[in-house]
Amino acid sequence: MNLPKFILGDNTDLPNAIFVIHTDFPRFIINLENDEVEWLEDFDQHDEKELLNETEALIEEASQFYDREVSRYDN
């Protein structure tokens, strides 16, 4: 199955939370309400350094995806 790079998610138990799931490596879920990130990968120290460099760009990309999706609902 081909998954999209990002998927939107929500949960009625957390009504203010908006989740974006990143399905490519490194897989993660970000809660856009508070920018909390849950990584779905295990990393060693070497990976962690590289990941820190990429995290900001990935979070920005996830936020842009959300903005794009919401604008499509408005149309």
C-alpha atoms as a PDB file:
ATOM      1  CA  MET A   1       0.000   0.000   0.000  1.00  0.00           C
ATOM      2  CA  ASN A   2       1.265   3.487  -0.842  1.00  0.00           C
ATOM      3  CA  LEU A   3       0.719   5.835   2.071  1.00  0.00           C
ATOM      4  CA  PRO A   4       0.774   9.599   1.738  1.00  0.00           C
ATOM      5  CA  LYS A   5       3.716  11.308   3.422  1.00  0.00           C
ATOM      6  CA  PHE A   6       1.382  13.042   5.923  1.00  0.00           C
ATOM      7  CA  ILE A   7      -1.991  12.057   7.386  1.00  0.00           C
ATOM      8  CA  LEU A   8      -4.286  14.211   9.548  1.00  0.00           C
ATOM      9  CA  GLY A   9      -5.683  12.708  12.727  1.00  0.00           C
ATOM     10  CA  ASP A  10      -7.930  13.711  15.586  1.00  0.00           C
ATOM     11  CA  ASN A  11      -9.431  12.151  18.676  1.00  0.00           C
ATOM     12  CA  THR A  12     -12.544  13.166  20.611  1.00  0.00           C
ATOM     13  CA  ASP A  13     -10.733  12.472  23.894  1.00  0.00           C
ATOM     14  CA  LEU A  14      -8.438  15.406  23.039  1.00  0.00           C
ATOM     15  CA  PRO A  15     -10.825  17.820  21.295  1.00  0.00           C
ATOM     16  CA  ASN A  16      -8.282  20.647  20.866  1.00  0.00           C
ATOM     17  CA  ALA A  17      -5.503  18.437  19.543  1.00  0.00           C
ATOM     18  CA  ILE A  18      -4.738  18.213  15.843  1.00  0.00           C
ATOM     19  CA  PHE A  19      -2.365  15.427  14.904  1.00  0.00           C
ATOM     20  CA  VAL A  20      -0.232  15.138  11.791  1.00  0.00           C
ATOM     21  CA  ILE A  21       1.279  11.701  11.210  1.00  0.00           C
ATOM     22  CA  HIS A  22       4.494  11.543   9.175  1.00  0.00           C
ATOM     23  CA  THR A  23       4.664   8.124   7.503  1.00  0.00           C
ATOM     24  CA  ASP A  24       8.171   8.315   5.992  1.00  0.00           C
ATOM     25  CA  PHE A  25      11.372   7.739   7.939  1.00  0.00           C
ATOM     26  CA  PRO A  26      11.663   9.047  10.552  1.00  0.00           C
ATOM     27  CA  ARG A  27       8.039   8.318  11.405  1.00  0.00           C
ATOM     28  CA  PHE A  28       6.427  10.570  13.996  1.00  0.00           C
ATOM     29  CA  ILE A  29       3.177  12.098  15.188  1.00  0.00           C
ATOM     30  CA  ILE A  30       3.046  15.794  16.025  1.00  0.00           C
ATOM     31  CA  ASN A  31       0.311  17.432  18.029  1.00  0.00           C
ATOM     32  CA  LEU A  32      -0.020  20.872  16.438  1.00  0.00           C
ATOM     33  CA  GLU A  33      -1.828  22.189  19.512  1.00  0.00           C
ATOM     34  CA  ASN A  34       1.409  22.138  21.529  1.00  0.00           C
ATOM     35  CA  ASP A  35       4.078  20.972  18.999  1.00  0.00           C
ATOM     36  CA  GLU A  36       4.699  17.812  21.029  1.00  0.00           C
ATOM     37  CA  VAL A  37       6.356  15.132  18.895  1.00  0.00           C
ATOM     38  CA  GLU A  38       6.100  11.383  19.453  1.00  0.00           C
ATOM     39  CA  TRP A  39       8.716   9.459  17.475  1.00  0.00           C
ATOM     40  CA  LEU A  40       7.703   6.045  16.152  1.00  0.00           C
ATOM     41  CA  GLU A  41      11.303   4.995  15.589  1.00  0.00           C
ATOM     42  CA  ASP A  42      14.124   3.894  17.853  1.00  0.00           C
ATOM     43  CA  PHE A  43      17.295   5.921  17.406  1.00  0.00           C
ATOM     44  CA  ASP A  44      20.895   5.457  18.414  1.00  0.00           C
ATOM     45  CA  GLN A  45      23.140   8.398  19.341  1.00  0.00           C
ATOM     46  CA  HIS A  46      24.404   8.831  15.773  1.00  0.00           C
ATOM     47  CA  ASP A  47      20.859   8.975  14.389  1.00  0.00           C
ATOM     48  CA  GLU A  48      19.798  11.350  17.142  1.00  0.00           C
ATOM     49  CA  LYS A  49      22.296  14.037  16.095  1.00  0.00           C
ATOM     50  CA  GLU A  50      21.151  13.894  12.472  1.00  0.00           C
ATOM     51  CA  LEU A  51      17.526  13.828  13.556  1.00  0.00           C
ATOM     52  CA  LEU A  52      17.895  17.003  15.602  1.00  0.00           C
ATOM     53  CA  ASN A  53      19.112  18.798  12.492  1.00  0.00           C
ATOM     54  CA  GLU A  54      16.097  17.623  10.472  1.00  0.00           C
ATOM     55  CA  THR A  55      13.401  18.015  13.134  1.00  0.00           C
ATOM     56  CA  GLU A  56      12.703  21.696  12.591  1.00  0.00           C
ATOM     57  CA  ALA A  57      12.258  21.243   8.831  1.00  0.00           C
ATOM     58  CA  LEU A  58       9.995  18.208   9.305  1.00  0.00           C
ATOM     59  CA  ILE A  59       7.783  20.054  11.792  1.00  0.00           C
ATOM     60  CA  GLU A  60       7.536  23.033   9.440  1.00  0.00           C
ATOM     61  CA  GLU A  61       6.602  20.701   6.586  1.00  0.00           C
ATOM     62  CA  ALA A  62       3.914  19.060   8.755  1.00  0.00           C
ATOM     63  CA  SER A  63       2.480  22.482   9.632  1.00  0.00           C
ATOM     64  CA  GLN A  64       2.407  23.497   5.966  1.00  0.00           C
ATOM     65  CA  PHE A  65       0.605  20.249   5.120  1.00  0.00           C
ATOM     66  CA  TYR A  66      -2.022  21.009   7.765  1.00  0.00           C
ATOM     67  CA  ASP A  67      -2.505  24.582   6.494  1.00  0.00           C
ATOM     68  CA  ARG A  68      -2.891  23.292   2.925  1.00  0.00           C
ATOM     69  CA  GLU A  69      -5.449  20.671   3.945  1.00  0.00           C
ATOM     70  CA  VAL A  70      -7.518  23.150   5.987  1.00  0.00           C
ATOM     71  CA  SER A  71      -7.541  25.646   3.098  1.00  0.00           C
ATOM     72  CA  ARG A  72      -8.936  22.908   0.835  1.00  0.00           C
ATOM     73  CA  TYR A  73     -11.823  22.342   3.264  1.00  0.00           C
ATOM     74  CA  ASP A  74     -12.592  26.074   3.177  1.00  0.00           C
ATOM     75  CA  ASN A  75     -13.057  25.920  -0.602  1.00  0.00           C
END
